[in-house]
Protein backbone atom coordinates (compact mmCIF):
# COMPACT_ATOMS: atom_id res chain seq x y z
CA MET A 1 8.58 -71.08 31.95
CA THR A 2 5.28 -71.69 30.13
CA THR A 3 4.01 -74.42 32.49
CA THR A 4 1.53 -72.95 34.93
CA ILE A 5 1.46 -73.89 38.60
CA ALA A 6 -1.87 -74.44 40.37
CA HIS A 7 -2.33 -73.93 44.10
CA PRO A 8 -5.63 -75.69 44.78
CA ASP A 9 -5.15 -75.64 48.56
CA ASN A 10 -4.55 -71.89 48.78
CA VAL A 11 -7.47 -69.67 49.77
CA PRO A 12 -6.32 -66.15 48.81
CA PRO A 13 -7.28 -63.39 51.26
CA VAL A 14 -10.12 -61.16 50.06
CA ALA A 15 -9.79 -58.24 52.53
CA PHE A 16 -7.13 -55.52 52.61
CA THR A 17 -4.88 -55.86 55.63
CA GLN A 18 -1.60 -54.66 57.12
CA ASP A 19 -0.79 -58.24 58.11
CA GLU A 20 2.23 -59.90 56.50
CA LEU A 21 0.83 -61.92 53.61
CA GLY A 22 2.68 -64.41 51.43
CA TRP A 23 2.65 -64.63 47.64
CA ILE A 24 2.96 -67.66 45.36
CA PRO A 25 3.70 -67.65 41.61
CA TRP A 26 1.72 -69.28 38.81
CA LEU A 27 4.92 -69.82 36.80
CA GLN A 28 8.11 -71.57 37.86
CA PRO A 29 10.73 -69.22 39.37
CA LEU A 30 14.42 -69.87 38.87
CA THR A 31 16.32 -71.74 41.56
CA GLU A 32 19.57 -70.43 43.04
CA ALA A 33 21.40 -73.30 41.29
CA GLU A 34 20.23 -71.90 37.93
CA LEU A 35 21.53 -68.37 38.52
CA THR A 36 24.41 -67.09 36.44
CA ASP A 37 26.41 -63.93 37.08
CA ARG A 38 23.93 -62.15 34.80
CA HIS A 39 21.02 -63.21 37.02
CA TRP A 40 22.79 -62.21 40.23
CA ALA A 41 23.45 -58.76 38.73
CA GLY A 42 19.76 -58.51 37.83
CA LEU A 43 18.69 -59.24 41.41
CA VAL A 44 20.83 -56.27 42.62
CA ASP A 45 20.46 -57.53 46.23
CA ALA A 46 21.55 -61.16 46.69
CA SER A 47 18.95 -61.59 49.45
CA ARG A 48 16.22 -61.32 46.81
CA SER A 49 17.13 -64.84 45.69
CA LYS A 50 14.95 -65.98 48.63
CA SER A 51 11.85 -64.40 47.04
CA ASP A 52 9.77 -66.36 44.51
CA TYR A 53 8.63 -63.06 43.00
CA PHE A 54 12.13 -61.79 42.26
CA MET A 55 13.32 -65.23 41.17
CA LEU A 56 10.43 -65.31 38.69
CA LEU A 57 11.34 -61.87 37.34
CA ALA A 58 14.97 -63.05 37.13
CA HIS A 59 14.03 -64.91 33.95
CA ASP A 60 14.61 -61.48 32.35
CA PRO A 61 17.56 -60.21 34.42
CA GLU A 62 18.20 -56.97 32.53
CA VAL A 63 14.60 -55.82 32.98
CA LEU A 64 14.68 -56.92 36.64
CA GLU A 65 17.86 -54.92 37.25
CA ALA A 66 16.32 -51.79 35.71
CA ARG A 67 13.11 -52.34 37.68
CA THR A 68 14.93 -52.79 40.98
CA LYS A 69 17.18 -49.76 40.56
CA ALA A 70 14.12 -47.62 39.71
CA ASP A 71 12.35 -49.00 42.80
CA LYS A 72 15.27 -48.16 45.07
CA ASP A 73 15.67 -44.66 43.68
CA ILE A 74 11.96 -43.87 43.95
CA PHE A 75 11.41 -45.22 47.47
CA TYR A 76 14.79 -45.01 49.25
CA ASN A 77 16.46 -41.91 47.80
CA PRO A 78 16.92 -39.54 50.78
CA ASN A 79 17.84 -36.49 48.68
CA GLY A 80 14.72 -34.34 48.95
CA GLY A 81 11.18 -35.12 47.85
CA LEU A 82 8.43 -36.75 49.86
CA PRO A 83 9.03 -38.27 53.29
CA ARG A 84 9.20 -42.06 53.03
CA ALA A 85 5.81 -42.41 54.76
CA GLU A 86 4.07 -40.47 52.00
CA ARG A 87 5.84 -42.38 49.23
CA GLU A 88 4.46 -45.54 50.88
CA LEU A 89 1.04 -43.89 51.23
CA SER A 90 0.98 -43.24 47.47
CA ALA A 91 1.94 -46.88 46.78
CA THR A 92 -0.77 -48.05 49.19
CA ALA A 93 -3.47 -45.88 47.60
CA THR A 94 -2.47 -47.11 44.14
CA SER A 95 -2.48 -50.76 45.25
CA ARG A 96 -5.81 -50.32 47.04
CA HIS A 97 -7.37 -48.84 43.90
CA ASN A 98 -5.93 -51.59 41.67
CA GLY A 99 -7.11 -54.32 44.05
CA CYS A 100 -3.63 -55.68 44.77
CA ILE A 101 -4.11 -57.03 48.30
CA PHE A 102 -0.51 -58.26 48.57
CA CYS A 103 1.15 -54.96 47.53
CA ALA A 104 -1.27 -52.98 49.70
CA SER A 105 -0.35 -55.12 52.71
CA VAL A 106 3.39 -54.54 52.25
CA HIS A 107 3.26 -50.81 51.63
CA SER A 108 0.56 -50.03 54.17
CA ARG A 109 2.82 -51.56 56.82
CA PHE A 110 5.67 -49.33 55.64
CA ALA A 111 3.36 -46.29 55.62
CA SER A 112 2.27 -47.07 59.18
CA THR A 113 5.81 -47.69 60.37
CA HIS A 114 7.21 -44.46 58.93
CA SER A 115 4.23 -42.22 59.73
CA LYS A 116 3.05 -43.69 63.07
CA ARG A 117 -0.49 -43.22 61.69
CA ARG A 118 -1.59 -46.86 61.61
CA ASP A 119 -5.29 -46.08 62.13
CA ASP A 120 -5.34 -43.62 59.20
CA VAL A 121 -3.59 -46.15 56.98
CA GLN A 122 -6.08 -48.84 57.98
CA ARG A 123 -8.93 -46.45 57.17
CA LEU A 124 -7.50 -46.08 53.67
CA LEU A 125 -7.48 -49.88 53.31
CA ASP A 126 -11.01 -50.21 54.68
CA ASP A 127 -12.69 -47.25 52.99
CA GLY A 128 -10.52 -46.62 49.92
CA LEU A 129 -11.17 -43.27 48.22
CA ASP A 130 -13.75 -42.27 50.82
CA ALA A 131 -11.23 -42.25 53.67
CA ASP A 132 -10.63 -38.74 55.05
CA LEU A 133 -6.94 -38.63 55.92
CA GLY A 134 -6.44 -34.88 56.29
CA GLU A 135 -5.61 -32.31 53.59
CA ARG A 136 -2.04 -33.41 52.75
CA TRP A 137 -2.65 -37.15 52.77
CA ASN A 138 -5.95 -36.71 50.91
CA ALA A 139 -4.13 -34.79 48.18
CA VAL A 140 -1.49 -37.55 47.86
CA LYS A 141 -4.14 -40.30 47.88
CA GLU A 142 -6.35 -38.58 45.32
CA ALA A 143 -3.44 -37.80 42.98
CA ALA A 144 -2.24 -41.43 43.14
CA VAL A 145 -5.74 -42.72 42.40
CA ALA A 146 -6.25 -40.24 39.55
CA LEU A 147 -3.02 -41.55 37.98
CA THR A 148 -4.27 -45.10 38.45
CA ASP A 149 -7.58 -44.58 36.68
CA THR A 150 -7.84 -45.75 33.08
CA PRO A 151 -7.74 -43.44 31.26
CA SER A 152 -5.75 -41.32 33.69
CA ASN A 153 -7.65 -38.54 35.45
CA PHE A 154 -4.50 -36.87 36.74
CA GLY A 155 -4.18 -33.23 35.73
CA GLN A 156 -4.07 -29.62 36.83
CA THR A 157 -6.66 -30.14 39.60
CA GLU A 158 -4.52 -32.77 41.33
CA ILE A 159 -1.36 -30.67 40.99
CA ALA A 160 -3.18 -27.62 42.40
CA ASN A 161 -4.46 -29.70 45.34
CA LEU A 162 -0.94 -31.04 46.02
CA ARG A 163 0.50 -27.52 45.95
CA ALA A 164 -2.30 -26.23 48.22
CA ALA A 165 -1.44 -29.03 50.67
CA GLY A 166 2.16 -27.76 50.79
CA LEU A 167 3.97 -30.10 48.39
CA ASP A 168 6.84 -28.67 46.35
CA ASP A 169 7.88 -29.74 42.84
CA PHE A 170 10.16 -32.57 44.06
CA GLU A 171 7.44 -33.94 46.32
CA ILE A 172 4.86 -33.86 43.51
CA THR A 173 7.34 -35.70 41.30
CA ASP A 174 7.59 -38.38 44.00
CA VAL A 175 3.80 -38.78 44.11
CA ILE A 176 3.80 -39.30 40.35
CA SER A 177 6.80 -41.69 40.44
CA THR A 178 5.50 -43.84 43.31
CA ALA A 179 1.99 -44.17 41.88
CA SER A 180 3.29 -44.86 38.38
CA PHE A 181 5.77 -47.48 39.60
CA PHE A 182 3.05 -49.27 41.55
CA ASN A 183 0.65 -49.27 38.65
CA TRP A 184 3.29 -51.42 36.95
CA ALA A 185 4.18 -53.46 40.05
CA ASN A 186 0.51 -54.23 40.81
CA ARG A 187 -0.01 -55.56 37.32
CA LEU A 188 2.97 -57.90 37.70
CA MET A 189 1.83 -59.19 41.09
CA LEU A 190 -1.78 -59.63 39.98
CA SER A 191 -0.93 -61.42 36.73
CA LEU A 192 1.94 -63.66 37.88
CA GLY A 193 0.59 -65.17 41.12
CA GLU A 194 -1.72 -64.86 44.09
CA PRO A 195 -1.51 -63.80 47.75
CA VAL A 196 -1.38 -66.27 50.61
CA PRO A 197 -3.09 -65.60 53.96
CA ALA A 198 -0.96 -64.36 56.84
CA LYS A 199 0.35 -67.05 59.15
CA ALA A 200 -1.57 -67.43 62.39
CA LYS A 201 0.04 -65.44 65.21
C-alpha cells in the first residue's frame, strides 16, 4: 500500500470539461481476488469493484462503507430536499472551486443531464464564481463555494440568499450536505491519483 505508482505517459487534463475523464491511482488498489466478505460489504455495490478509486478505498472497508452510504443518501434520497440537478450543481461548484477536474467532470454531466441546462453548467466550469446562473442557481453555487473556502465563509448571508431564492430548510440542508461531502471527496481524488484525458470520440 505504501509503494507509489508513477504514470509518466499520462498528461492530465488542465481544463474543466463535461467530457468523461478517467482517473488513475498513485497507490495500488486491491484486486477482486484479494476481496473478502468484509471488502465486498464495504463496496456496497459489487459493480464498484471495477473502479480503481473504490478498490483503493477498499483498503479500509468500514470507512468506505460509511462513505458510500452517506453518498447515496445525500445524492439519491428522493424524500424531499433539493432536486437531483441542484445537488449535482452544488457538487460541481465545490469541485470547480477546489480544482478537482475529475469530480467536476462527473458531476457537471449529472447536473446537465438532470437539469437540461448544459450551457449554464458549462459556464460554471468555464467562469467559476463569476458565472451568472440565475438567482436560485447563483445562491446554491455561492453557498457551496462559501462552504469550500478555508476558513469557511458560509453564514447567515448565504442562508438568507438561499431562502430568498425559494429554498426551504430541507433544500438548504442538501446544499450544505452536498458541498461538505464533496469537499471531502475532492481531497481524496486530488491526493490519491490524477485524471486521465477523455478518450477520443
